[in-house]
Amino acid sequence: MASAQRTRPEALLSFTEAVLRAEGVPGPDAHLLADTLVMAELWGHASHGMLRLPWYVARLRSGAMERVTRTERVRDTGALAVLDGGNGIGQVITDQAVDLGIQRAREYGVSAIGIRNSGHFGTAAYFTRKAAHEGCVAFLCTNASPAMAPWGGRQKSVGTNPWSIAAPAGRHGTVVMDLANTAVARGKVYLAAERGTEIPEGWAADSDGNPTTDPRSAIEGLILPMAGPKGYVISFMFDVLAGVLTGSAFGGDVAGPYQPDAPSGVGHLLLTIDVAAMGDPAAYAERVEALVDATRSAETAAWADRILVPGELEDQNLAANAVAGIALTATTWTSLVTLAAETQVDLPPTEELAA
């Protein structure tokens, strides 16, 4: 069996981009998709990183996801627009929506972009951070394939339906949250299955509804909502916003990225606010900096050595992993070896990690 490996981020990015280009994805789109996967690894979210590349490739090969993304604008009232992604690459569609959302927010102060017939876009924060870097506050939500049961139910019919909010933070860069409405993102359960480790209690139940710490049983069963019924109702309403409102698939009609031959039908909703339209950007920066400073300087609990603000952990991981390199599980590395052979792309240089 292959061993876990560590590789340089830039080498992994070049490899991933080359694999996607070999599968017929245009160069700029291949780069964007590859960058979202590598950035997830750098942020410390391997659940949304390289383990998903074989999933995307399988969907490209089956035709469930189009190699060439052609987005159509089906509604446009100025501050509001609706994009149809035509079952293209979710990252490409969402990136186009962010560019349009920023442009319209600068023109109107605020914008709403609905996206239908898209696909899994990786980490939502990748896109809300982009808007924050351009001086905007962004909210992005998406629906997803069924993962949890409605509160009081036994069968999964509600997605994890993740969401992200990002805002400029003056000298502190960006503050950002990105979370699923389940106790954990489903990708973390898949990652535990790849690593052969148990999952914590409270994450999932098996197909009979019994609590489980076995990730394989969890994949076949249910992911539990965060905060009990609160997580369920938030997920339900995000399906209304991202799926029903946008004219995309919703509920049980949404297919996940791990399903190789089913078009996703995923929907997203992006809301963007231009900080300068709301007030003086300098005054805003001073206020958000004060909030961050006050939060960080609060008295710590006995179990904590410091207080982090949203997004700070990912920033720390990025700085550390950019130097140390990206560690890949043995299972993920094996899948990349297979893709390299199939596409005739050279694997990135690596070093073997101790078991």
Protein backbone atom coordinates (compact mmCIF):
# COMPACT_ATOMS: atom_id res chain seq x y z
CA MET A 1 0.00 0.00 0.00
CA ALA A 2 1.21 3.51 -0.78
CA SER A 3 2.45 5.71 2.05
CA ALA A 4 1.32 9.19 3.02
CA GLN A 5 3.27 11.82 1.12
CA ARG A 6 4.19 15.50 1.44
CA THR A 7 4.57 17.77 -1.57
CA ARG A 8 5.06 21.42 -2.41
CA PRO A 9 1.86 23.45 -3.01
CA GLU A 10 3.07 24.88 -6.31
CA ALA A 11 4.00 21.43 -7.61
CA LEU A 12 0.62 20.03 -6.57
CA LEU A 13 -1.12 22.96 -8.26
CA SER A 14 0.75 22.34 -11.53
CA PHE A 15 -0.01 18.61 -11.39
CA THR A 16 -3.72 19.12 -10.71
CA GLU A 17 -4.04 21.71 -13.44
CA ALA A 18 -2.29 19.41 -15.93
CA VAL A 19 -4.60 16.49 -15.07
CA LEU A 20 -7.67 18.65 -15.63
CA ARG A 21 -6.32 20.00 -18.91
CA ALA A 22 -5.65 16.44 -20.03
CA GLU A 23 -9.34 15.76 -19.36
CA GLY A 24 -10.34 18.60 -21.70
CA VAL A 25 -10.88 21.44 -19.23
CA PRO A 26 -9.72 24.79 -20.67
CA GLY A 27 -6.53 26.19 -19.15
CA PRO A 28 -7.96 29.06 -17.07
CA ASP A 29 -10.77 26.88 -15.71
CA ALA A 30 -8.35 24.06 -14.91
CA HIS A 31 -6.16 26.52 -13.00
CA LEU A 32 -9.09 27.86 -10.99
CA LEU A 33 -10.41 24.41 -10.04
CA ALA A 34 -6.90 23.25 -9.14
CA ASP A 35 -6.30 26.37 -7.05
CA THR A 36 -9.48 25.82 -5.01
CA LEU A 37 -8.36 22.27 -4.15
CA VAL A 38 -4.80 23.23 -3.23
CA MET A 39 -5.98 26.26 -1.25
CA ALA A 40 -8.31 24.04 0.77
CA GLU A 41 -5.30 21.90 1.65
CA LEU A 42 -3.28 24.97 2.61
CA TRP A 43 -6.09 26.23 4.84
CA GLY A 44 -6.13 22.88 6.62
CA HIS A 45 -9.37 21.64 5.06
CA ALA A 46 -8.21 18.44 3.36
CA SER A 47 -11.86 17.35 3.30
CA HIS A 48 -12.33 19.83 0.43
CA GLY A 49 -8.93 19.31 -1.13
CA MET A 50 -7.21 16.69 -3.25
CA LEU A 51 -9.40 13.78 -2.21
CA ARG A 52 -12.07 15.38 -4.40
CA LEU A 53 -10.01 15.51 -7.61
CA PRO A 54 -10.88 11.90 -8.61
CA TRP A 55 -14.55 12.73 -7.99
CA TYR A 56 -14.41 15.69 -10.36
CA VAL A 57 -12.52 13.72 -13.00
CA ALA A 58 -15.08 10.91 -12.86
CA ARG A 59 -17.87 13.42 -13.37
CA LEU A 60 -16.07 15.01 -16.31
CA ARG A 61 -15.58 11.61 -17.93
CA SER A 62 -19.22 10.59 -17.50
CA GLY A 63 -20.53 13.91 -18.82
CA ALA A 64 -22.30 14.70 -15.55
CA MET A 65 -20.12 17.83 -15.42
CA GLU A 66 -19.33 19.69 -18.63
CA ARG A 67 -15.66 20.12 -19.50
CA VAL A 68 -16.30 23.55 -21.02
CA THR A 69 -18.41 25.74 -18.75
CA ARG A 70 -20.90 27.93 -20.60
CA THR A 71 -22.82 30.24 -18.29
CA GLU A 72 -25.98 31.96 -19.48
CA ARG A 73 -27.50 35.04 -17.86
CA VAL A 74 -31.23 34.24 -17.76
CA ARG A 75 -32.40 37.20 -15.62
CA ASP A 76 -30.88 40.65 -15.22
CA THR A 77 -32.53 43.61 -13.51
CA GLY A 78 -29.32 45.44 -12.68
CA ALA A 79 -28.75 44.78 -9.02
CA LEU A 80 -30.11 41.26 -9.43
CA ALA A 81 -29.12 38.60 -11.94
CA VAL A 82 -29.64 34.87 -12.38
CA LEU A 83 -26.99 32.68 -14.02
CA ASP A 84 -27.56 29.22 -15.48
CA GLY A 85 -24.35 27.21 -15.26
CA GLY A 86 -25.44 24.50 -17.68
CA ASN A 87 -24.00 21.77 -15.42
CA GLY A 88 -20.52 23.21 -15.83
CA ILE A 89 -17.76 23.35 -13.23
CA GLY A 90 -19.12 24.82 -10.01
CA GLN A 91 -15.96 26.77 -9.19
CA VAL A 92 -15.93 28.44 -12.60
CA ILE A 93 -19.61 29.36 -12.45
CA THR A 94 -19.31 30.75 -8.92
CA ASP A 95 -16.19 32.75 -9.76
CA GLN A 96 -18.07 34.39 -12.62
CA ALA A 97 -20.92 35.16 -10.22
CA VAL A 98 -18.52 36.79 -7.77
CA ASP A 99 -17.04 39.00 -10.48
CA LEU A 100 -20.53 40.06 -11.54
CA GLY A 101 -21.65 40.51 -7.94
CA ILE A 102 -18.73 42.84 -7.15
CA GLN A 103 -19.32 44.82 -10.34
CA ARG A 104 -23.02 45.29 -9.65
CA ALA A 105 -22.46 46.07 -5.95
CA ARG A 106 -20.13 48.89 -6.93
CA GLU A 107 -22.80 50.20 -9.29
CA TYR A 108 -25.87 49.74 -7.08
CA GLY A 109 -24.41 49.39 -3.59
CA VAL A 110 -25.74 45.86 -3.23
CA SER A 111 -26.26 42.92 -5.57
CA ALA A 112 -27.94 39.53 -5.56
CA ILE A 113 -26.76 36.82 -7.94
CA GLY A 114 -28.70 33.58 -8.17
CA ILE A 115 -27.02 30.55 -9.74
CA ARG A 116 -28.83 27.48 -11.06
CA ASN A 117 -27.61 24.20 -12.60
CA SER A 118 -24.17 24.53 -11.05
CA GLY A 119 -22.03 21.97 -9.22
CA HIS A 120 -19.98 21.58 -6.09
CA PHE A 121 -17.73 24.64 -5.75
CA GLY A 122 -15.35 23.49 -3.01
CA THR A 123 -14.89 25.85 -0.05
CA ALA A 124 -17.37 28.73 -0.06
CA ALA A 125 -14.81 30.97 1.65
CA TYR A 126 -12.62 30.85 -1.47
CA PHE A 127 -15.22 33.04 -3.17
CA THR A 128 -16.41 35.26 -0.32
CA ARG A 129 -12.77 36.09 0.50
CA LYS A 130 -12.34 37.26 -3.09
CA ALA A 131 -15.19 39.74 -2.67
CA ALA A 132 -13.83 40.91 0.69
CA HIS A 133 -10.46 41.59 -0.90
CA GLU A 134 -12.30 43.91 -3.29
CA GLY A 135 -13.85 45.92 -0.46
CA CYS A 136 -17.18 44.10 -0.26
CA VAL A 137 -19.05 42.09 2.33
CA ALA A 138 -20.27 38.84 0.78
CA PHE A 139 -22.75 36.14 1.77
CA LEU A 140 -22.79 32.90 -0.22
CA CYS A 141 -24.96 29.87 0.38
CA THR A 142 -25.45 26.66 -1.58
CA ASN A 143 -27.62 23.60 -1.39
CA ALA A 144 -26.22 20.09 -1.49
CA SER A 145 -27.28 16.48 -1.86
CA PRO A 146 -29.25 14.97 1.06
CA ALA A 147 -27.11 14.22 4.10
CA MET A 148 -29.30 14.69 7.17
CA ALA A 149 -32.85 13.78 8.10
CA PRO A 150 -35.34 16.52 8.91
CA TRP A 151 -35.72 16.95 12.66
CA GLY A 152 -37.84 14.03 13.81
CA GLY A 153 -37.28 12.05 10.60
CA ARG A 154 -35.32 8.88 9.80
CA GLN A 155 -34.37 9.29 6.12
CA LYS A 156 -31.92 11.85 4.77
CA SER A 157 -33.60 14.48 2.62
CA VAL A 158 -31.82 17.71 3.61
CA GLY A 159 -28.34 18.75 2.47
CA THR A 160 -25.51 20.12 4.58
CA ASN A 161 -26.15 23.34 2.61
CA PRO A 162 -22.98 25.27 3.55
CA TRP A 163 -22.64 29.04 3.72
CA SER A 164 -19.95 31.66 4.12
CA ILE A 165 -19.76 35.32 5.08
CA ALA A 166 -16.60 37.34 4.54
CA ALA A 167 -15.83 40.98 5.25
CA PRO A 168 -12.80 43.25 4.91
CA ALA A 169 -11.07 43.73 8.27
CA GLY A 170 -8.72 46.65 7.73
CA ARG A 171 -5.19 45.95 8.91
CA HIS A 172 -6.35 42.45 9.95
CA GLY A 173 -7.08 41.43 6.37
CA THR A 174 -10.35 39.51 6.21
CA VAL A 175 -12.74 37.99 8.72
CA VAL A 176 -14.60 35.01 7.30
CA MET A 177 -16.77 32.11 8.35
CA ASP A 178 -17.51 29.02 6.27
CA LEU A 179 -19.55 26.18 7.68
CA ALA A 180 -22.03 23.44 6.97
CA ASN A 181 -25.24 23.20 8.95
CA THR A 182 -24.43 19.68 10.05
CA ALA A 183 -22.27 18.77 13.02
CA VAL A 184 -19.46 18.41 10.49
CA ALA A 185 -18.95 18.83 6.76
CA ARG A 186 -19.56 15.53 4.98
CA GLY A 187 -16.11 15.75 3.41
CA LYS A 188 -14.55 15.36 6.86
CA VAL A 189 -16.33 12.01 7.21
CA TYR A 190 -14.91 10.92 3.83
CA LEU A 191 -11.47 12.10 4.99
CA ALA A 192 -11.75 10.02 8.18
CA ALA A 193 -12.71 7.01 6.06
CA GLU A 194 -9.60 7.57 3.91
CA ARG A 195 -7.41 7.84 7.00
CA GLY A 196 -8.99 4.80 8.62
CA THR A 197 -9.84 6.74 11.77
CA GLU A 198 -13.02 6.93 13.81
CA ILE A 199 -15.15 10.06 13.84
CA PRO A 200 -16.16 11.79 17.08
CA GLU A 201 -19.44 11.00 18.76
CA GLY A 202 -22.19 13.38 17.76
CA TRP A 203 -21.17 13.65 14.11
CA ALA A 204 -23.31 10.96 12.55
CA ALA A 205 -25.74 8.06 12.78
CA ASP A 206 -25.84 4.79 10.83
CA SER A 207 -28.56 3.79 8.39
CA ASP A 208 -30.74 2.61 11.30
CA GLY A 209 -30.45 5.97 13.02
CA ASN A 210 -28.08 4.76 15.72
CA PRO A 211 -25.11 6.97 16.74
CA THR A 212 -21.87 5.82 15.14
CA THR A 213 -18.17 6.62 15.20
CA ASP A 214 -17.51 4.53 12.06
CA PRO A 215 -17.11 6.87 9.06
CA ARG A 216 -18.17 4.16 6.58
CA SER A 217 -21.41 3.64 8.48
CA ALA A 218 -21.87 7.41 8.63
CA ILE A 219 -21.50 7.75 4.85
CA GLU A 220 -24.27 5.18 4.40
CA GLY A 221 -26.30 6.73 7.19
CA LEU A 222 -26.97 10.29 8.36
CA ILE A 223 -24.86 13.32 9.18
CA LEU A 224 -26.37 14.95 12.26
CA PRO A 225 -27.41 18.61 12.25
CA MET A 226 -25.44 21.16 14.24
CA ALA A 227 -27.22 22.50 17.32
CA GLY A 228 -30.08 20.02 17.00
CA PRO A 229 -33.15 21.41 15.24
CA LYS A 230 -31.44 24.77 14.60
CA GLY A 231 -29.07 23.21 12.09
CA TYR A 232 -31.98 21.51 10.35
CA VAL A 233 -34.07 24.66 9.94
CA ILE A 234 -31.09 26.72 8.71
CA SER A 235 -30.30 24.05 6.10
CA PHE A 236 -33.93 23.90 5.03
CA MET A 237 -34.12 27.66 4.50
CA PHE A 238 -30.84 27.72 2.58
CA ASP A 239 -32.36 25.15 0.22
CA VAL A 240 -35.18 27.64 -0.29
CA LEU A 241 -32.69 30.43 -1.06
CA ALA A 242 -30.16 28.46 -3.12
CA GLY A 243 -32.41 25.88 -4.77
CA VAL A 244 -36.06 26.85 -4.88
CA LEU A 245 -35.61 30.62 -5.34
CA THR A 246 -32.94 30.34 -8.04
CA GLY A 247 -34.88 27.78 -10.09
CA SER A 248 -32.31 25.03 -9.48
CA ALA A 249 -32.74 21.53 -8.10
CA PHE A 250 -33.62 21.18 -4.42
CA GLY A 251 -34.14 18.54 -1.75
CA GLY A 252 -33.60 15.01 -2.93
CA ASP A 253 -33.07 16.07 -6.56
CA VAL A 254 -29.57 17.47 -5.84
CA ALA A 255 -26.69 15.09 -6.62
CA GLY A 256 -23.38 15.12 -4.75
CA PRO A 257 -19.87 15.42 -6.25
CA TYR A 258 -19.09 11.84 -5.23
CA GLN A 259 -21.84 10.60 -7.59
CA PRO A 260 -19.95 10.07 -10.87
CA ASP A 261 -22.76 10.12 -13.40
CA ALA A 262 -25.55 12.37 -12.07
CA PRO A 263 -25.74 16.08 -12.97
CA SER A 264 -25.63 18.02 -9.71
CA GLY A 265 -28.32 20.62 -10.29
CA VAL A 266 -26.81 22.58 -7.40
CA GLY A 267 -27.98 26.15 -6.77
CA HIS A 268 -26.22 29.04 -5.04
CA LEU A 269 -27.17 32.52 -3.87
CA LEU A 270 -24.58 35.31 -3.58
CA LEU A 271 -25.31 38.62 -1.86
CA THR A 272 -22.65 41.34 -2.11
CA ILE A 273 -22.52 44.72 -0.36
CA ASP A 274 -20.05 47.45 -1.29
CA VAL A 275 -18.63 48.80 1.96
CA ALA A 276 -18.12 52.21 0.37
CA ALA A 277 -21.83 52.40 -0.48
CA MET A 278 -22.77 51.83 3.17
CA GLY A 279 -20.44 54.50 4.56
CA ASP A 280 -16.90 55.82 4.76
CA PRO A 281 -14.51 52.89 4.15
CA ALA A 282 -11.92 54.37 6.52
CA ALA A 283 -14.48 54.61 9.31
CA TYR A 284 -15.59 51.04 8.61
CA ALA A 285 -11.99 49.81 8.76
CA GLU A 286 -11.46 51.55 12.10
CA ARG A 287 -14.63 49.98 13.52
CA VAL A 288 -13.93 46.44 12.33
CA GLU A 289 -10.33 46.67 13.55
CA ALA A 290 -11.64 47.73 16.96
CA LEU A 291 -13.97 44.70 17.01
CA VAL A 292 -11.16 42.31 16.14
CA ASP A 293 -8.80 43.87 18.68
CA ALA A 294 -11.39 43.76 21.46
CA THR A 295 -12.27 40.15 20.68
CA ARG A 296 -8.67 38.99 20.63
CA SER A 297 -7.86 40.78 23.89
CA ALA A 298 -10.76 39.25 25.85
CA GLU A 299 -9.89 37.12 28.87
CA THR A 300 -9.24 33.52 27.86
CA ALA A 301 -10.85 30.44 29.36
CA ALA A 302 -8.70 28.01 31.34
CA TRP A 303 -8.46 25.60 28.39
CA ALA A 304 -7.41 28.24 25.81
CA ASP A 305 -4.09 29.93 25.22
CA ARG A 306 -5.45 32.60 22.87
CA ILE A 307 -8.60 33.81 21.10
CA LEU A 308 -8.90 33.66 17.33
CA VAL A 309 -11.34 35.56 15.14
CA PRO A 310 -13.15 33.85 12.24
CA GLY A 311 -10.76 32.96 9.42
CA GLU A 312 -7.61 33.43 11.50
CA LEU A 313 -7.00 29.70 11.91
CA GLU A 314 -7.03 29.24 8.12
CA ASP A 315 -4.62 32.15 7.71
CA GLN A 316 -2.25 30.54 10.21
CA ASN A 317 -2.51 27.17 8.49
CA LEU A 318 -1.83 28.79 5.11
CA ALA A 319 1.35 30.42 6.40
CA ALA A 320 2.57 27.17 7.99
CA ASN A 321 1.68 24.84 5.12
CA ALA A 322 3.15 27.15 2.50
CA VAL A 323 6.50 26.52 4.21
CA ALA A 324 6.10 22.90 5.35
CA GLY A 325 4.26 21.62 2.27
CA ILE A 326 0.99 19.72 1.90
CA ALA A 327 0.58 16.30 3.52
CA LEU A 328 -1.61 13.84 1.61
CA THR A 329 -3.08 10.63 3.00
CA ALA A 330 -1.97 7.32 1.52
CA THR A 331 -5.41 6.83 -0.04
CA THR A 332 -5.43 10.26 -1.65
CA TRP A 333 -1.88 9.76 -2.94
CA THR A 334 -2.84 6.40 -4.46
CA SER A 335 -5.71 8.05 -6.32
CA LEU A 336 -3.33 10.71 -7.67
CA VAL A 337 -0.90 8.01 -8.82
CA THR A 338 -3.77 6.43 -10.77
CA LEU A 339 -4.79 9.74 -12.34
CA ALA A 340 -1.17 10.44 -13.30
CA ALA A 341 -0.95 7.12 -15.13
CA GLU A 342 -4.29 7.60 -16.86
CA THR A 343 -3.53 11.15 -18.04
CA GLN A 344 0.24 10.70 -18.57
CA VAL A 345 0.98 13.63 -16.26
CA ASP A 346 4.12 13.50 -14.12
CA LEU A 347 3.49 13.28 -10.39
CA PRO A 348 4.79 16.12 -8.23
CA PRO A 349 7.99 15.48 -6.27
CA THR A 350 7.23 14.19 -2.77
CA GLU A 351 8.74 12.95 0.45
CA GLU A 352 7.34 9.93 2.29
CA LEU A 353 5.78 10.62 5.68
CA ALA A 354 6.17 8.34 8.65
CA ALA A 355 3.14 6.20 9.41
